């Protein structure tokens, strides 16, 4: 059975960047974050991705291209118009 992931698209630096919400455990270490990123890139066939997890402090943790993360880091998760896809 496929798992549903919330996602949203943002225009950043002339590119459509897809933000995907994942469990914090999926990005708990740099190695896990890299594996998660590669898996989503292969699944979606795109490289302009940012992963986000809600940490213990309820602060969003954005992971990905530094330029994209810098633009997104102050975006509250509750203000994002989430959609869902199955993977």
PDB file of N, CA and C in Angstrom:
ATOM      1  N   UNK A   1       0.842  -1.176   0.000  1.00  0.00           N
ATOM      2  CA  UNK A   1       0.000   0.000   0.000  1.00  0.00           C
ATOM      3  C   UNK A   1       0.889   1.241   0.000  1.00  0.00           C
ATOM      4  N   UNK A   2       0.561   2.188  -0.818  1.00  0.00           N
ATOM      5  CA  UNK A   2       1.357   3.407  -0.953  1.00  0.00           C
ATOM      6  C   UNK A   2       1.140   4.334   0.239  1.00  0.00           C
ATOM      7  N   UNK A   3       2.144   5.119   0.521  1.00  0.00           N
ATOM      8  CA  UNK A   3       2.068   6.100   1.590  1.00  0.00           C
ATOM      9  C   UNK A   3       1.777   7.460   0.981  1.00  0.00           C
ATOM     10  N   UNK A   4       0.949   8.271   1.651  1.00  0.00           N
ATOM     11  CA  UNK A   4       0.638   9.615   1.167  1.00  0.00           C
ATOM     12  C   UNK A   4       1.585  10.620   1.806  1.00  0.00           C
ATOM     13  N   UNK A   5       2.067  11.532   0.970  1.00  0.00           N
ATOM     14  CA  UNK A   5       2.961  12.586   1.437  1.00  0.00           C
ATOM     15  C   UNK A   5       2.373  13.946   1.091  1.00  0.00           C
ATOM     16  N   UNK A   6       2.322  14.873   2.057  1.00  0.00           N
ATOM     17  CA  UNK A   6       1.919  16.237   1.752  1.00  0.00           C
ATOM     18  C   UNK A   6       3.032  16.922   0.948  1.00  0.00           C
ATOM     19  N   UNK A   7       2.632  17.729  -0.039  1.00  0.00           N
ATOM     20  CA  UNK A   7       3.606  18.491  -0.816  1.00  0.00           C
ATOM     21  C   UNK A   7       2.997  19.821  -1.217  1.00  0.00           C
ATOM     22  N   UNK A   8       3.862  20.744  -1.578  1.00  0.00           N
ATOM     23  CA  UNK A   8       3.443  22.049  -2.101  1.00  0.00           C
ATOM     24  C   UNK A   8       4.529  22.533  -3.056  1.00  0.00           C
ATOM     25  N   UNK A   9       4.115  23.285  -4.057  1.00  0.00           N
ATOM     26  CA  UNK A   9       5.060  23.848  -5.018  1.00  0.00           C
ATOM     27  C   UNK A   9       5.237  25.338  -4.754  1.00  0.00           C
ATOM     28  N   UNK A  10       6.477  25.799  -4.873  1.00  0.00           N
ATOM     29  CA  UNK A  10       6.824  27.205  -4.700  1.00  0.00           C
ATOM     30  C   UNK A  10       7.647  27.663  -5.896  1.00  0.00           C
ATOM     31  N   UNK A  11       7.492  28.908  -6.286  1.00  0.00           N
ATOM     32  CA  UNK A  11       8.344  29.535  -7.297  1.00  0.00           C
ATOM     33  C   UNK A  11       9.520  30.164  -6.562  1.00  0.00           C
ATOM     34  N   UNK A  12      10.711  29.664  -6.808  1.00  0.00           N
ATOM     35  CA  UNK A  12      11.914  30.202  -6.168  1.00  0.00           C
ATOM     36  C   UNK A  12      12.990  30.321  -7.242  1.00  0.00           C
ATOM     37  N   UNK A  13      13.502  31.520  -7.392  1.00  0.00           N
ATOM     38  CA  UNK A  13      14.580  31.783  -8.352  1.00  0.00           C
ATOM     39  C   UNK A  13      14.245  31.256  -9.747  1.00  0.00           C
ATOM     40  N   UNK A  14      13.002  31.459 -10.159  1.00  0.00           N
ATOM     41  CA  UNK A  14      12.576  31.064 -11.497  1.00  0.00           C
ATOM     42  C   UNK A  14      12.342  29.573 -11.687  1.00  0.00           C
ATOM     43  N   UNK A  15      12.359  28.815 -10.601  1.00  0.00           N
ATOM     44  CA  UNK A  15      12.146  27.371 -10.685  1.00  0.00           C
ATOM     45  C   UNK A  15      10.944  26.979  -9.845  1.00  0.00           C
ATOM     46  N   UNK A  16      10.297  25.899 -10.248  1.00  0.00           N
ATOM     47  CA  UNK A  16       9.243  25.330  -9.420  1.00  0.00           C
ATOM     48  C   UNK A  16       9.916  24.350  -8.465  1.00  0.00           C
ATOM     49  N   UNK A  17       9.864  24.673  -7.176  1.00  0.00           N
ATOM     50  CA  UNK A  17      10.484  23.854  -6.148  1.00  0.00           C
ATOM     51  C   UNK A  17       9.374  23.137  -5.385  1.00  0.00           C
ATOM     52  N   UNK A  18       9.470  21.827  -5.301  1.00  0.00           N
ATOM     53  CA  UNK A  18       8.480  21.037  -4.586  1.00  0.00           C
ATOM     54  C   UNK A  18       8.975  20.768  -3.173  1.00  0.00           C
ATOM     55  N   UNK A  19       8.143  21.132  -2.201  1.00  0.00           N
ATOM     56  CA  UNK A  19       8.436  20.883  -0.796  1.00  0.00           C
ATOM     57  C   UNK A  19       7.612  19.671  -0.376  1.00  0.00           C
ATOM     58  N   UNK A  20       8.267  18.675   0.196  1.00  0.00           N
ATOM     59  CA  UNK A  20       7.602  17.449   0.616  1.00  0.00           C
ATOM     60  C   UNK A  20       7.772  17.288   2.119  1.00  0.00           C
ATOM     61  N   UNK A  21       6.656  17.083   2.820  1.00  0.00           N
ATOM     62  CA  UNK A  21       6.728  16.871   4.258  1.00  0.00           C
ATOM     63  C   UNK A  21       6.999  15.396   4.534  1.00  0.00           C
ATOM     64  N   UNK A  22       7.993  15.168   5.385  1.00  0.00           N
ATOM     65  CA  UNK A  22       8.381  13.812   5.759  1.00  0.00           C
ATOM     66  C   UNK A  22       8.421  13.718   7.284  1.00  0.00           C
ATOM     67  N   UNK A  23       8.465  12.499   7.775  1.00  0.00           N
ATOM     68  CA  UNK A  23       8.615  12.293   9.208  1.00  0.00           C
ATOM     69  C   UNK A  23      10.016  12.720   9.636  1.00  0.00           C
ATOM     70  N   UNK A  24      10.115  13.218  10.835  1.00  0.00           N
ATOM     71  CA  UNK A  24      11.420  13.655  11.328  1.00  0.00           C
ATOM     72  C   UNK A  24      12.429  12.510  11.316  1.00  0.00           C
ATOM     73  N   UNK A  25      11.966  11.297  11.541  1.00  0.00           N
ATOM     74  CA  UNK A  25      12.873  10.145  11.547  1.00  0.00           C
ATOM     75  C   UNK A  25      13.503   9.912  10.176  1.00  0.00           C
ATOM     76  N   UNK A  26      12.856  10.378   9.116  1.00  0.00           N
ATOM     77  CA  UNK A  26      13.390  10.210   7.765  1.00  0.00           C
ATOM     78  C   UNK A  26      14.527  11.149   7.431  1.00  0.00           C
ATOM     79  N   UNK A  27      14.724  12.151   8.273  1.00  0.00           N
ATOM     80  CA  UNK A  27      15.800  13.122   8.044  1.00  0.00           C
ATOM     81  C   UNK A  27      16.615  13.354   9.320  1.00  0.00           C
ATOM     82  N   UNK A  28      16.581  12.378  10.232  1.00  0.00           N
ATOM     83  CA  UNK A  28      17.197  12.522  11.552  1.00  0.00           C
ATOM     84  C   UNK A  28      18.714  12.648  11.506  1.00  0.00           C
ATOM     85  N   UNK A  29      19.328  12.071  10.488  1.00  0.00           N
ATOM     86  CA  UNK A  29      20.775  12.188  10.322  1.00  0.00           C
ATOM     87  C   UNK A  29      21.041  12.650   8.895  1.00  0.00           C
ATOM     88  N   UNK A  30      22.219  13.198   8.639  1.00  0.00           N
ATOM     89  CA  UNK A  30      22.525  13.603   7.264  1.00  0.00           C
ATOM     90  C   UNK A  30      22.415  12.440   6.273  1.00  0.00           C
ATOM     91  N   UNK A  31      22.797  11.243   6.692  1.00  0.00           N
ATOM     92  CA  UNK A  31      22.718  10.085   5.800  1.00  0.00           C
ATOM     93  C   UNK A  31      21.273   9.731   5.465  1.00  0.00           C
ATOM     94  N   UNK A  32      20.412   9.738   6.482  1.00  0.00           N
ATOM     95  CA  UNK A  32      18.989   9.453   6.238  1.00  0.00           C
ATOM     96  C   UNK A  32      18.358  10.530   5.369  1.00  0.00           C
ATOM     97  N   UNK A  33      18.709  11.775   5.621  1.00  0.00           N
ATOM     98  CA  UNK A  33      18.175  12.874   4.815  1.00  0.00           C
ATOM     99  C   UNK A  33      18.583  12.715   3.354  1.00  0.00           C
ATOM    100  N   UNK A  34      19.840  12.356   3.123  1.00  0.00           N
ATOM    101  CA  UNK A  34      20.330  12.169   1.753  1.00  0.00           C
ATOM    102  C   UNK A  34      19.602  11.011   1.077  1.00  0.00           C
ATOM    103  N   UNK A  35      19.424   9.905   1.793  1.00  0.00           N
ATOM    104  CA  UNK A  35      18.703   8.761   1.221  1.00  0.00           C
ATOM    105  C   UNK A  35      17.262   9.122   0.880  1.00  0.00           C
ATOM    106  N   UNK A  36      16.610   9.850   1.779  1.00  0.00           N
ATOM    107  CA  UNK A  36      15.230  10.266   1.532  1.00  0.00           C
ATOM    108  C   UNK A  36      15.153  11.175   0.301  1.00  0.00           C
ATOM    109  N   UNK A  37      16.087  12.122   0.217  1.00  0.00           N
ATOM    110  CA  UNK A  37      16.106  13.048  -0.914  1.00  0.00           C
ATOM    111  C   UNK A  37      16.294  12.289  -2.228  1.00  0.00           C
ATOM    112  N   UNK A  38      17.260  11.394  -2.278  1.00  0.00           N
ATOM    113  CA  UNK A  38      17.527  10.621  -3.496  1.00  0.00           C
ATOM    114  C   UNK A  38      16.315   9.782  -3.876  1.00  0.00           C
ATOM    115  N   UNK A  39      15.670   9.172  -2.890  1.00  0.00           N
ATOM    116  CA  UNK A  39      14.494   8.341  -3.176  1.00  0.00           C
ATOM    117  C   UNK A  39      13.369   9.179  -3.794  1.00  0.00           C
ATOM    118  N   UNK A  40      13.108  10.363  -3.252  1.00  0.00           N
ATOM    119  CA  UNK A  40      12.064  11.225  -3.818  1.00  0.00           C
ATOM    120  C   UNK A  40      12.456  11.745  -5.197  1.00  0.00           C
ATOM    121  N   UNK A  41      13.727  12.082  -5.378  1.00  0.00           N
ATOM    122  CA  UNK A  41      14.166  12.556  -6.690  1.00  0.00           C
ATOM    123  C   UNK A  41      13.961  11.482  -7.752  1.00  0.00           C
ATOM    124  N   UNK A  42      14.281  10.242  -7.419  1.00  0.00           N
ATOM    125  CA  UNK A  42      14.076   9.144  -8.367  1.00  0.00           C
ATOM    126  C   UNK A  42      12.594   8.915  -8.632  1.00  0.00           C
ATOM    127  N   UNK A  43      11.811   8.924  -7.583  1.00  0.00           N
ATOM    128  CA  UNK A  43      10.366   8.672  -7.707  1.00  0.00           C
ATOM    129  C   UNK A  43       9.684   9.742  -8.554  1.00  0.00           C
ATOM    130  N   UNK A  44      10.058  10.996  -8.326  1.00  0.00           N
ATOM    131  CA  UNK A  44       9.391  12.113  -9.004  1.00  0.00           C
ATOM    132  C   UNK A  44      10.099  12.558 -10.276  1.00  0.00           C
ATOM    133  N   UNK A  45      11.338  12.112 -10.472  1.00  0.00           N
ATOM    134  CA  UNK A  45      12.088  12.516 -11.654  1.00  0.00           C
ATOM    135  C   UNK A  45      12.434  13.991 -11.671  1.00  0.00           C
ATOM    136  N   UNK A  46      12.599  14.558 -10.476  1.00  0.00           N
ATOM    137  CA  UNK A  46      12.911  15.990 -10.350  1.00  0.00           C
ATOM    138  C   UNK A  46      14.018  16.177  -9.329  1.00  0.00           C
ATOM    139  N   UNK A  47      14.784  17.237  -9.505  1.00  0.00           N
ATOM    140  CA  UNK A  47      15.853  17.520  -8.550  1.00  0.00           C
ATOM    141  C   UNK A  47      15.582  18.760  -7.714  1.00  0.00           C
ATOM    142  N   UNK A  48      14.608  19.571  -8.090  1.00  0.00           N
ATOM    143  CA  UNK A  48      14.305  20.792  -7.341  1.00  0.00           C
ATOM    144  C   UNK A  48      13.323  20.466  -6.219  1.00  0.00           C
ATOM    145  N   UNK A  49      13.846  19.751  -5.212  1.00  0.00           N
ATOM    146  CA  UNK A  49      13.034  19.310  -4.082  1.00  0.00           C
ATOM    147  C   UNK A  49      13.614  19.825  -2.780  1.00  0.00           C
ATOM    148  N   UNK A  50      12.725  20.061  -1.832  1.00  0.00           N
ATOM    149  CA  UNK A  50      13.115  20.375  -0.455  1.00  0.00           C
ATOM    150  C   UNK A  50      12.260  19.489   0.433  1.00  0.00           C
ATOM    151  N   UNK A  51      12.891  18.844   1.392  1.00  0.00           N
ATOM    152  CA  UNK A  51      12.161  18.058   2.377  1.00  0.00           C
ATOM    153  C   UNK A  51      11.958  18.910   3.618  1.00  0.00           C
ATOM    154  N   UNK A  52      10.831  18.720   4.277  1.00  0.00           N
ATOM    155  CA  UNK A  52      10.577  19.448   5.516  1.00  0.00           C
ATOM    156  C   UNK A  52       9.996  18.470   6.532  1.00  0.00           C
ATOM    157  N   UNK A  53      10.450  18.619   7.763  1.00  0.00           N
ATOM    158  CA  UNK A  53       9.933  17.830   8.872  1.00  0.00           C
ATOM    159  C   UNK A  53       9.660  18.787  10.021  1.00  0.00           C
ATOM    160  N   UNK A  54       8.663  18.437  10.815  1.00  0.00           N
ATOM    161  CA  UNK A  54       8.370  19.257  11.984  1.00  0.00           C
ATOM    162  C   UNK A  54       9.108  18.670  13.166  1.00  0.00           C
ATOM    163  N   UNK A  55      10.024  19.437  13.705  1.00  0.00           N
ATOM    164  CA  UNK A  55      10.853  18.963  14.799  1.00  0.00           C
ATOM    165  C   UNK A  55      10.128  18.967  16.133  1.00  0.00           C
ATOM    166  N   UNK A  56      10.804  18.503  17.144  1.00  0.00           N
ATOM    167  CA  UNK A  56      10.251  18.434  18.494  1.00  0.00           C
ATOM    168  C   UNK A  56       9.810  19.810  18.969  1.00  0.00           C
ATOM    169  N   UNK A  57      10.552  20.825  18.596  1.00  0.00           N
ATOM    170  CA  UNK A  57      10.216  22.191  19.010  1.00  0.00           C
ATOM    171  C   UNK A  57       9.093  22.785  18.157  1.00  0.00           C
ATOM    172  N   UNK A  58       8.523  21.978  17.269  1.00  0.00           N
ATOM    173  CA  UNK A  58       7.461  22.372  16.337  1.00  0.00           C
ATOM    174  C   UNK A  58       7.937  23.372  15.291  1.00  0.00           C
ATOM    175  N   UNK A  59       9.234  23.543  15.186  1.00  0.00           N
ATOM    176  CA  UNK A  59       9.827  24.409  14.184  1.00  0.00           C
ATOM    177  C   UNK A  59      10.115  23.585  12.932  1.00  0.00           C
ATOM    178  N   UNK A  60       9.726  24.083  11.751  1.00  0.00           N
ATOM    179  CA  UNK A  60      10.008  23.330  10.532  1.00  0.00           C
ATOM    180  C   UNK A  60      11.510  23.190  10.292  1.00  0.00           C
ATOM    181  N   UNK A  61      11.914  22.017   9.869  1.00  0.00           N
ATOM    182  CA  UNK A  61      13.297  21.740   9.520  1.00  0.00           C
ATOM    183  C   UNK A  61      13.322  21.472   8.015  1.00  0.00           C
ATOM    184  N   UNK A  62      13.824  22.446   7.252  1.00  0.00           N
ATOM    185  CA  UNK A  62      13.889  22.333   5.798  1.00  0.00           C
ATOM    186  C   UNK A  62      15.249  21.776   5.394  1.00  0.00           C
ATOM    187  N   UNK A  63      15.248  20.827   4.463  1.00  0.00           N
ATOM    188  CA  UNK A  63      16.477  20.185   4.014  1.00  0.00           C
ATOM    189  C   UNK A  63      16.507  20.171   2.495  1.00  0.00           C
ATOM    190  N   UNK A  64      17.623  20.626   1.939  1.00  0.00           N
ATOM    191  CA  UNK A  64      17.785  20.626   0.491  1.00  0.00           C
ATOM    192  C   UNK A  64      18.750  21.710   0.065  1.00  0.00           C
ATOM    193  N   UNK A  65      18.612  22.143  -1.173  1.00  0.00           N
ATOM    194  CA  UNK A  65      19.443  23.189  -1.748  1.00  0.00           C
ATOM    195  C   UNK A  65      19.401  24.420  -0.847  1.00  0.00           C
ATOM    196  N   UNK A  66      20.572  24.902  -0.441  1.00  0.00           N
ATOM    197  CA  UNK A  66      20.674  26.020   0.512  1.00  0.00           C
ATOM    198  C   UNK A  66      19.893  27.253   0.051  1.00  0.00           C
ATOM    199  N   UNK A  67      19.951  27.583  -1.223  1.00  0.00           N
ATOM    200  CA  UNK A  67      19.234  28.761  -1.729  1.00  0.00           C
ATOM    201  C   UNK A  67      17.728  28.600  -1.540  1.00  0.00           C
ATOM    202  N   UNK A  68      17.213  27.400  -1.778  1.00  0.00           N
ATOM    203  CA  UNK A  68      15.778  27.146  -1.604  1.00  0.00           C
ATOM    204  C   UNK A  68      15.409  27.154  -0.119  1.00  0.00           C
ATOM    205  N   UNK A  69      16.238  26.516   0.695  1.00  0.00           N
ATOM    206  CA  UNK A  69      15.975  26.443   2.134  1.00  0.00           C
ATOM    207  C   UNK A  69      15.965  27.842   2.744  1.00  0.00           C
ATOM    208  N   UNK A  70      16.891  28.698   2.322  1.00  0.00           N
ATOM    209  CA  UNK A  70      16.935  30.066   2.843  1.00  0.00           C
ATOM    210  C   UNK A  70      15.651  30.826   2.545  1.00  0.00           C
ATOM    211  N   UNK A  71      15.051  30.585   1.391  1.00  0.00           N
ATOM    212  CA  UNK A  71      13.805  31.269   1.023  1.00  0.00           C
ATOM    213  C   UNK A  71      12.607  30.705   1.793  1.00  0.00           C
ATOM    214  N   UNK A  72      12.689  29.446   2.203  1.00  0.00           N
ATOM    215  CA  UNK A  72      11.557  28.774   2.846  1.00  0.00           C
ATOM    216  C   UNK A  72      11.627  28.729   4.369  1.00  0.00           C
ATOM    217  N   UNK A  73      12.782  28.965   4.951  1.00  0.00           N
ATOM    218  CA  UNK A  73      13.003  28.693   6.368  1.00  0.00           C
ATOM    219  C   UNK A  73      12.039  29.406   7.317  1.00  0.00           C
ATOM    220  N   UNK A  74      11.480  30.531   6.916  1.00  0.00           N
ATOM    221  CA  UNK A  74      10.565  31.267   7.787  1.00  0.00           C
ATOM    222  C   UNK A  74       9.101  31.038   7.434  1.00  0.00           C
ATOM    223  N   UNK A  75       8.833  30.094   6.534  1.00  0.00           N
ATOM    224  CA  UNK A  75       7.456  29.806   6.133  1.00  0.00           C
ATOM    225  C   UNK A  75       6.848  28.822   7.132  1.00  0.00           C
ATOM    226  N   UNK A  76       5.803  29.243   7.873  1.00  0.00           N
ATOM    227  CA  UNK A  76       5.158  28.323   8.819  1.00  0.00           C
ATOM    228  C   UNK A  76       4.418  27.217   8.066  1.00  0.00           C
ATOM    229  N   UNK A  77       4.494  26.004   8.568  1.00  0.00           N
ATOM    230  CA  UNK A  77       3.855  24.874   7.899  1.00  0.00           C
ATOM    231  C   UNK A  77       2.339  25.044   7.796  1.00  0.00           C
ATOM    232  N   UNK A  78       1.740  25.700   8.768  1.00  0.00           N
ATOM    233  CA  UNK A  78       0.291  25.911   8.759  1.00  0.00           C
ATOM    234  C   UNK A  78      -0.193  26.868   7.684  1.00  0.00           C
ATOM    235  N   UNK A  79       0.704  27.614   7.079  1.00  0.00           N
ATOM    236  CA  UNK A  79       0.328  28.571   6.032  1.00  0.00           C
ATOM    237  C   UNK A  79       0.548  28.032   4.631  1.00  0.00           C
ATOM    238  N   UNK A  80       0.959  26.785   4.545  1.00  0.00           N
ATOM    239  CA  UNK A  80       1.215  26.171   3.238  1.00  0.00           C
ATOM    240  C   UNK A  80      -0.037  25.438   2.788  1.00  0.00           C
ATOM    241  N   UNK A  81      -0.408  25.630   1.531  1.00  0.00           N
ATOM    242  CA  UNK A  81      -1.565  24.946   0.952  1.00  0.00           C
ATOM    243  C   UNK A  81      -1.117  23.564   0.474  1.00  0.00           C
ATOM    244  N   UNK A  82      -1.189  22.590   1.371  1.00  0.00           N
ATOM    245  CA  UNK A  82      -0.692  21.247   1.090  1.00  0.00           C
ATOM    246  C   UNK A  82      -1.614  20.480   0.156  1.00  0.00           C
ATOM    247  N   UNK A  83      -1.001  19.705  -0.709  1.00  0.00           N
ATOM    248  CA  UNK A  83      -1.686  18.719  -1.536  1.00  0.00           C
ATOM    249  C   UNK A  83      -1.077  17.380  -1.146  1.00  0.00           C
ATOM    250  N   UNK A  84      -1.529  16.285  -1.738  1.00  0.00           N
ATOM    251  CA  UNK A  84      -0.979  14.967  -1.378  1.00  0.00           C
ATOM    252  C   UNK A  84      -0.686  14.149  -2.626  1.00  0.00           C
ATOM    253  N   UNK A  85       0.353  13.327  -2.530  1.00  0.00           N
ATOM    254  CA  UNK A  85       0.635  12.355  -3.574  1.00  0.00           C
ATOM    255  C   UNK A  85       0.998  11.036  -2.895  1.00  0.00           C
ATOM    256  N   UNK A  86       0.849   9.967  -3.621  1.00  0.00           N
ATOM    257  CA  UNK A  86       1.179   8.647  -3.088  1.00  0.00           C
ATOM    258  C   UNK A  86       2.506   8.177  -3.653  1.00  0.00           C
ATOM    259  N   UNK A  87       3.297   7.598  -2.786  1.00  0.00           N
ATOM    260  CA  UNK A  87       4.600   7.074  -3.212  1.00  0.00           C
ATOM    261  C   UNK A  87       4.787   5.683  -2.664  1.00  0.00           C
TER     262      UNK A  87
END
